[in-house]
N, C-alpha and C. Protein backbone atom coordinates (compact mmCIF):
# COMPACT_ATOMS: atom_id res chain seq x y z
N LEU A 1 -10.97 -16.41 -8.58
CA LEU A 1 -10.92 -15.91 -7.21
C LEU A 1 -10.00 -14.71 -7.18
N VAL A 2 -10.53 -13.58 -6.72
CA VAL A 2 -9.76 -12.35 -6.66
C VAL A 2 -8.63 -12.49 -5.64
N SER A 3 -7.44 -12.09 -6.02
CA SER A 3 -6.31 -12.14 -5.09
C SER A 3 -5.34 -11.01 -5.38
N LEU A 4 -4.54 -10.69 -4.37
CA LEU A 4 -3.49 -9.68 -4.47
C LEU A 4 -2.19 -10.30 -3.98
N VAL A 5 -1.09 -10.02 -4.66
CA VAL A 5 0.20 -10.57 -4.26
C VAL A 5 1.24 -9.46 -4.27
N GLU A 6 1.85 -9.20 -3.10
CA GLU A 6 2.88 -8.19 -2.99
C GLU A 6 4.26 -8.77 -3.27
N SER A 7 5.17 -7.90 -3.69
CA SER A 7 6.57 -8.28 -3.87
C SER A 7 7.44 -7.04 -3.73
N GLY A 8 8.74 -7.26 -3.58
CA GLY A 8 9.69 -6.14 -3.54
C GLY A 8 10.20 -5.79 -2.17
N GLY A 9 9.72 -6.47 -1.13
CA GLY A 9 10.22 -6.18 0.20
C GLY A 9 11.65 -6.66 0.37
N GLY A 10 12.27 -6.28 1.48
CA GLY A 10 13.64 -6.69 1.75
C GLY A 10 14.24 -5.88 2.87
N SER A 11 15.55 -5.99 3.00
CA SER A 11 16.29 -5.26 4.03
C SER A 11 17.10 -4.15 3.38
N VAL A 12 17.11 -2.99 4.02
CA VAL A 12 17.80 -1.83 3.46
C VAL A 12 18.33 -0.97 4.60
N GLN A 13 19.38 -0.24 4.31
CA GLN A 13 19.95 0.68 5.29
C GLN A 13 19.10 1.95 5.37
N GLU A 14 19.16 2.60 6.52
CA GLU A 14 18.47 3.89 6.70
C GLU A 14 18.91 4.85 5.60
N GLY A 15 17.92 5.55 5.03
CA GLY A 15 18.21 6.46 3.92
C GLY A 15 18.08 5.83 2.55
N GLY A 16 17.93 4.51 2.51
CA GLY A 16 17.83 3.81 1.25
C GLY A 16 16.42 3.83 0.67
N SER A 17 16.26 3.10 -0.42
CA SER A 17 14.98 3.08 -1.15
C SER A 17 14.56 1.65 -1.48
N LEU A 18 13.26 1.47 -1.61
CA LEU A 18 12.69 0.22 -2.07
C LEU A 18 11.44 0.55 -2.88
N LYS A 19 11.10 -0.34 -3.80
CA LYS A 19 9.85 -0.19 -4.55
C LYS A 19 9.05 -1.47 -4.42
N LEU A 20 7.88 -1.37 -3.83
CA LEU A 20 7.00 -2.51 -3.68
C LEU A 20 6.02 -2.58 -4.85
N SER A 21 5.63 -3.80 -5.19
CA SER A 21 4.61 -4.02 -6.22
C SER A 21 3.51 -4.89 -5.65
N CYS A 22 2.33 -4.75 -6.19
CA CYS A 22 1.19 -5.58 -5.80
C CYS A 22 0.40 -5.88 -7.06
N THR A 23 0.34 -7.14 -7.42
CA THR A 23 -0.37 -7.53 -8.63
C THR A 23 -1.71 -8.13 -8.28
N GLY A 24 -2.74 -7.67 -8.97
CA GLY A 24 -4.08 -8.17 -8.76
C GLY A 24 -4.42 -9.25 -9.76
N HIS A 25 -5.09 -10.31 -9.28
CA HIS A 25 -5.46 -11.43 -10.13
C HIS A 25 -6.97 -11.60 -10.13
N ASP A 26 -7.52 -11.82 -11.31
CA ASP A 26 -8.96 -12.08 -11.50
C ASP A 26 -9.84 -10.90 -11.09
N PHE A 27 -9.30 -9.68 -11.17
CA PHE A 27 -10.13 -8.50 -11.01
C PHE A 27 -10.77 -8.22 -12.37
N LEU A 28 -12.09 -8.27 -12.43
CA LEU A 28 -12.75 -8.01 -13.71
C LEU A 28 -12.51 -6.59 -14.19
N THR A 29 -12.52 -5.65 -13.25
CA THR A 29 -12.28 -4.25 -13.60
C THR A 29 -11.31 -3.66 -12.59
N PHE A 30 -10.03 -3.97 -12.75
CA PHE A 30 -9.00 -3.50 -11.83
C PHE A 30 -9.06 -1.99 -11.70
N SER A 31 -9.31 -1.30 -12.80
CA SER A 31 -9.28 0.16 -12.82
C SER A 31 -10.37 0.79 -11.97
N SER A 32 -11.41 0.06 -11.64
CA SER A 32 -12.51 0.64 -10.87
C SER A 32 -12.30 0.53 -9.36
N PHE A 33 -11.24 -0.15 -8.96
CA PHE A 33 -10.96 -0.33 -7.54
C PHE A 33 -10.03 0.75 -7.01
N SER A 34 -10.19 1.04 -5.73
CA SER A 34 -9.23 1.85 -5.00
C SER A 34 -8.29 0.90 -4.26
N PHE A 35 -7.05 1.33 -4.10
CA PHE A 35 -6.03 0.49 -3.48
C PHE A 35 -5.30 1.24 -2.38
N ALA A 36 -4.82 0.46 -1.43
CA ALA A 36 -4.07 1.05 -0.32
C ALA A 36 -2.86 0.20 0.00
N TRP A 37 -1.86 0.86 0.55
CA TRP A 37 -0.74 0.17 1.20
C TRP A 37 -0.92 0.37 2.70
N VAL A 38 -0.81 -0.73 3.41
CA VAL A 38 -1.02 -0.75 4.86
C VAL A 38 0.20 -1.36 5.51
N ARG A 39 0.70 -0.71 6.54
CA ARG A 39 1.90 -1.19 7.23
C ARG A 39 1.50 -1.71 8.61
N GLN A 40 2.06 -2.84 8.97
CA GLN A 40 1.83 -3.38 10.30
C GLN A 40 3.15 -3.65 10.99
N ALA A 41 3.33 -2.99 12.13
CA ALA A 41 4.50 -3.22 12.98
C ALA A 41 3.98 -3.62 14.35
N ASP A 42 4.49 -4.73 14.88
CA ASP A 42 3.94 -5.31 16.11
C ASP A 42 2.44 -5.50 15.90
N LYS A 43 1.62 -4.91 16.70
CA LYS A 43 0.17 -5.09 16.55
C LYS A 43 -0.51 -3.87 15.96
N ALA A 44 0.28 -2.83 15.65
CA ALA A 44 -0.31 -1.60 15.14
C ALA A 44 -0.40 -1.64 13.62
N ARG A 45 -1.58 -1.39 13.08
CA ARG A 45 -1.80 -1.35 11.65
C ARG A 45 -2.03 0.09 11.22
N GLU A 46 -1.34 0.51 10.19
CA GLU A 46 -1.42 1.90 9.73
C GLU A 46 -1.62 1.97 8.23
N GLY A 47 -2.70 2.60 7.80
CA GLY A 47 -2.87 2.90 6.39
C GLY A 47 -1.93 4.02 6.01
N ILE A 48 -1.03 3.80 5.06
CA ILE A 48 -0.03 4.81 4.76
C ILE A 48 -0.23 5.48 3.41
N ALA A 49 -0.90 4.85 2.48
CA ALA A 49 -1.11 5.47 1.17
C ALA A 49 -2.33 4.85 0.50
N VAL A 50 -3.11 5.68 -0.14
CA VAL A 50 -4.31 5.24 -0.86
C VAL A 50 -4.31 5.88 -2.24
N ILE A 51 -4.71 5.11 -3.24
CA ILE A 51 -4.94 5.67 -4.57
C ILE A 51 -6.33 5.26 -5.04
N HIS A 52 -7.13 6.25 -5.35
CA HIS A 52 -8.51 6.03 -5.78
C HIS A 52 -8.51 5.60 -7.25
N SER A 53 -9.64 5.08 -7.70
CA SER A 53 -9.76 4.70 -9.11
C SER A 53 -9.55 5.91 -10.03
N SER A 54 -9.82 7.11 -9.51
CA SER A 54 -9.64 8.33 -10.30
C SER A 54 -8.18 8.74 -10.40
N GLY A 55 -7.34 8.16 -9.54
CA GLY A 55 -5.93 8.54 -9.49
C GLY A 55 -5.61 9.45 -8.32
N ASN A 56 -6.63 9.95 -7.63
CA ASN A 56 -6.39 10.78 -6.45
C ASN A 56 -5.69 9.96 -5.37
N THR A 57 -4.81 10.62 -4.63
CA THR A 57 -4.03 9.92 -3.61
C THR A 57 -4.14 10.61 -2.26
N VAL A 58 -3.95 9.81 -1.21
CA VAL A 58 -3.91 10.31 0.16
C VAL A 58 -2.78 9.58 0.87
N TYR A 59 -2.02 10.31 1.68
CA TYR A 59 -0.90 9.73 2.41
C TYR A 59 -1.03 10.02 3.90
N SER A 60 -0.48 9.12 4.71
CA SER A 60 -0.37 9.41 6.13
C SER A 60 0.76 10.40 6.33
N ASP A 61 0.71 11.13 7.43
CA ASP A 61 1.75 12.11 7.71
C ASP A 61 3.12 11.45 7.86
N SER A 62 3.14 10.20 8.29
CA SER A 62 4.41 9.52 8.56
C SER A 62 5.21 9.24 7.29
N VAL A 63 4.55 9.22 6.12
CA VAL A 63 5.26 8.89 4.88
C VAL A 63 5.16 9.99 3.82
N LYS A 64 4.36 11.00 4.08
CA LYS A 64 4.15 12.08 3.09
C LYS A 64 5.49 12.71 2.71
N GLY A 65 5.72 12.84 1.43
CA GLY A 65 6.96 13.43 0.94
C GLY A 65 8.08 12.43 0.72
N ARG A 66 7.92 11.22 1.23
CA ARG A 66 8.96 10.19 1.07
C ARG A 66 8.48 9.01 0.23
N PHE A 67 7.17 8.69 0.33
CA PHE A 67 6.60 7.54 -0.38
C PHE A 67 5.67 8.04 -1.49
N THR A 68 5.60 7.26 -2.58
CA THR A 68 4.70 7.58 -3.68
C THR A 68 3.94 6.33 -4.09
N ILE A 69 2.62 6.42 -4.07
CA ILE A 69 1.78 5.33 -4.52
C ILE A 69 1.39 5.58 -5.98
N SER A 70 1.38 4.53 -6.78
CA SER A 70 0.98 4.67 -8.18
C SER A 70 0.36 3.36 -8.64
N ARG A 71 -0.23 3.38 -9.81
CA ARG A 71 -0.89 2.19 -10.33
C ARG A 71 -0.72 2.14 -11.84
N ASP A 72 -0.68 0.92 -12.36
CA ASP A 72 -0.67 0.68 -13.81
C ASP A 72 -1.83 -0.25 -14.08
N ASN A 73 -2.96 0.30 -14.49
CA ASN A 73 -4.16 -0.52 -14.69
C ASN A 73 -3.99 -1.54 -15.82
N ALA A 74 -3.16 -1.22 -16.80
CA ALA A 74 -2.94 -2.15 -17.90
C ALA A 74 -2.22 -3.41 -17.43
N LYS A 75 -1.45 -3.28 -16.35
CA LYS A 75 -0.71 -4.42 -15.81
C LYS A 75 -1.35 -4.95 -14.53
N ASN A 76 -2.51 -4.42 -14.15
CA ASN A 76 -3.17 -4.84 -12.90
C ASN A 76 -2.21 -4.77 -11.72
N THR A 77 -1.43 -3.71 -11.66
CA THR A 77 -0.38 -3.63 -10.65
C THR A 77 -0.40 -2.28 -9.93
N LEU A 78 -0.18 -2.37 -8.63
CA LEU A 78 -0.06 -1.23 -7.73
C LEU A 78 1.39 -1.14 -7.28
N TYR A 79 1.87 0.09 -7.07
CA TYR A 79 3.26 0.28 -6.64
C TYR A 79 3.34 1.17 -5.41
N LEU A 80 4.44 1.02 -4.67
CA LEU A 80 4.78 1.95 -3.61
C LEU A 80 6.27 2.20 -3.68
N GLU A 81 6.64 3.40 -4.09
CA GLU A 81 8.05 3.78 -4.12
C GLU A 81 8.39 4.44 -2.80
N MET A 82 9.39 3.89 -2.11
CA MET A 82 9.74 4.35 -0.77
C MET A 82 11.17 4.89 -0.79
N ASN A 83 11.32 6.15 -0.45
CA ASN A 83 12.63 6.80 -0.41
C ASN A 83 12.94 7.30 0.99
N ASN A 84 14.21 7.53 1.24
CA ASN A 84 14.65 8.05 2.55
C ASN A 84 14.05 7.21 3.68
N LEU A 85 14.22 5.91 3.58
CA LEU A 85 13.63 5.00 4.55
C LEU A 85 14.25 5.17 5.93
N LYS A 86 13.40 4.98 6.94
CA LYS A 86 13.82 5.14 8.34
C LYS A 86 13.55 3.82 9.07
N PRO A 87 14.24 3.58 10.18
CA PRO A 87 14.00 2.34 10.94
C PRO A 87 12.52 2.18 11.34
N GLU A 88 11.83 3.28 11.59
CA GLU A 88 10.42 3.19 11.97
C GLU A 88 9.51 2.79 10.81
N ASP A 89 10.05 2.70 9.60
CA ASP A 89 9.30 2.20 8.46
C ASP A 89 9.27 0.66 8.42
N THR A 90 10.04 0.04 9.29
CA THR A 90 10.08 -1.42 9.35
C THR A 90 8.71 -2.00 9.66
N GLY A 91 8.36 -3.05 8.94
CA GLY A 91 7.08 -3.70 9.18
C GLY A 91 6.67 -4.57 8.01
N MET A 92 5.51 -5.19 8.15
CA MET A 92 4.93 -5.96 7.06
C MET A 92 4.04 -5.01 6.26
N TYR A 93 4.22 -5.02 4.97
CA TYR A 93 3.47 -4.14 4.09
C TYR A 93 2.45 -4.95 3.30
N TYR A 94 1.20 -4.52 3.39
CA TYR A 94 0.10 -5.19 2.71
C TYR A 94 -0.53 -4.25 1.69
N CYS A 95 -0.98 -4.80 0.58
CA CYS A 95 -1.85 -4.02 -0.29
C CYS A 95 -3.28 -4.50 -0.08
N ALA A 96 -4.21 -3.58 -0.26
CA ALA A 96 -5.62 -3.86 -0.04
C ALA A 96 -6.43 -3.17 -1.12
N ALA A 97 -7.61 -3.73 -1.40
CA ALA A 97 -8.44 -3.19 -2.48
C ALA A 97 -9.91 -3.25 -2.13
N ASP A 98 -10.63 -2.28 -2.61
CA ASP A 98 -12.08 -2.25 -2.49
C ASP A 98 -12.57 -1.09 -3.35
N THR A 99 -13.87 -0.93 -3.44
CA THR A 99 -14.42 0.20 -4.20
C THR A 99 -14.88 1.27 -3.21
N TYR A 100 -14.45 2.50 -3.47
CA TYR A 100 -14.78 3.62 -2.61
C TYR A 100 -15.13 4.84 -3.47
N ALA A 101 -15.94 5.70 -2.89
CA ALA A 101 -16.31 6.93 -3.61
C ALA A 101 -15.15 7.92 -3.63
N ARG A 102 -14.33 7.92 -2.58
CA ARG A 102 -13.20 8.86 -2.48
C ARG A 102 -12.01 8.17 -1.82
N ALA A 103 -10.83 8.67 -2.10
CA ALA A 103 -9.62 8.14 -1.47
C ALA A 103 -9.67 8.33 0.04
N LYS A 104 -10.19 9.47 0.49
CA LYS A 104 -10.25 9.75 1.93
C LYS A 104 -11.17 8.75 2.63
N SER A 105 -12.19 8.25 1.94
CA SER A 105 -13.09 7.26 2.53
C SER A 105 -12.36 5.96 2.82
N MET A 106 -11.48 5.57 1.91
CA MET A 106 -10.71 4.34 2.13
C MET A 106 -9.75 4.53 3.30
N MET A 107 -9.09 5.68 3.37
CA MET A 107 -8.18 5.93 4.48
C MET A 107 -8.94 5.95 5.80
N ALA A 108 -10.14 6.51 5.81
CA ALA A 108 -10.95 6.54 7.02
C ALA A 108 -11.32 5.13 7.48
N ASP A 109 -11.64 4.27 6.52
CA ASP A 109 -11.96 2.88 6.86
C ASP A 109 -10.75 2.19 7.47
N LEU A 110 -9.58 2.42 6.89
CA LEU A 110 -8.37 1.81 7.43
C LEU A 110 -8.09 2.30 8.84
N GLU A 111 -8.29 3.57 9.08
CA GLU A 111 -8.02 4.14 10.41
C GLU A 111 -8.99 3.59 11.45
N SER A 112 -10.20 3.26 11.01
CA SER A 112 -11.21 2.77 11.95
C SER A 112 -11.18 1.26 12.09
N GLY A 113 -10.40 0.57 11.27
CA GLY A 113 -10.34 -0.88 11.34
C GLY A 113 -11.40 -1.58 10.51
N ARG A 114 -12.19 -0.83 9.73
CA ARG A 114 -13.19 -1.43 8.84
C ARG A 114 -12.56 -1.69 7.48
N GLY A 115 -13.03 -2.70 6.78
CA GLY A 115 -12.62 -2.98 5.41
C GLY A 115 -11.13 -2.86 5.22
N PRO A 116 -10.59 -2.73 4.03
CA PRO A 116 -11.22 -3.07 2.74
C PRO A 116 -11.45 -4.58 2.61
N GLU A 117 -12.03 -4.98 1.49
CA GLU A 117 -12.45 -6.37 1.35
C GLU A 117 -11.30 -7.29 0.98
N TYR A 118 -10.42 -6.84 0.10
CA TYR A 118 -9.38 -7.73 -0.44
C TYR A 118 -8.00 -7.34 0.09
N TRP A 119 -7.23 -8.35 0.49
CA TRP A 119 -5.90 -8.13 1.05
C TRP A 119 -4.90 -9.12 0.46
N GLY A 120 -3.66 -8.66 0.32
CA GLY A 120 -2.58 -9.57 -0.05
C GLY A 120 -1.97 -10.17 1.20
N PRO A 121 -1.05 -11.14 1.05
CA PRO A 121 -0.41 -11.81 2.19
C PRO A 121 0.68 -10.97 2.84
N GLY A 122 1.16 -9.92 2.16
CA GLY A 122 2.15 -9.03 2.74
C GLY A 122 3.57 -9.32 2.29
N THR A 123 4.42 -8.30 2.42
CA THR A 123 5.85 -8.42 2.16
C THR A 123 6.59 -7.64 3.24
N GLN A 124 7.67 -8.21 3.74
CA GLN A 124 8.38 -7.62 4.88
C GLN A 124 9.40 -6.58 4.41
N VAL A 125 9.41 -5.45 5.10
CA VAL A 125 10.41 -4.40 4.88
C VAL A 125 11.14 -4.17 6.20
N THR A 126 12.46 -4.25 6.15
CA THR A 126 13.27 -4.03 7.34
C THR A 126 14.30 -2.94 7.05
N VAL A 127 14.29 -1.89 7.87
CA VAL A 127 15.22 -0.77 7.69
C VAL A 127 16.13 -0.72 8.92
N SER A 128 17.41 -0.84 8.68
CA SER A 128 18.37 -0.84 9.78
C SER A 128 19.12 0.50 9.84
N SER A 129 19.49 0.88 11.06
CA SER A 129 20.19 2.17 11.24
C SER A 129 21.69 1.97 11.18
């Protein structure tokens, strides 16, 4: 059964850093999937970073220049390095996976509330001022 499990969340002061990980289980071809990090605060869900199977990336304006998404296909693991954290970065962070032709297609699906197919249970990030 395909699953995703996030880790690395926690509490940090404004300006600090955290690195999230997401490990995929029972993906026959992890490298062929596109992955995203999605943040949820209150009821608002925001796709913040996408990495395509090709390695192409897309970021939301709210995190561009501060967050970096990466993947290690040999370890079936996705990462999100978060620097210069702000209180508005507080929320539950989810990783998600599906197959897409382009990174922008996955971000468009997230913005519209469609897909992706696979989701992790999430990890909480809290940034205090």
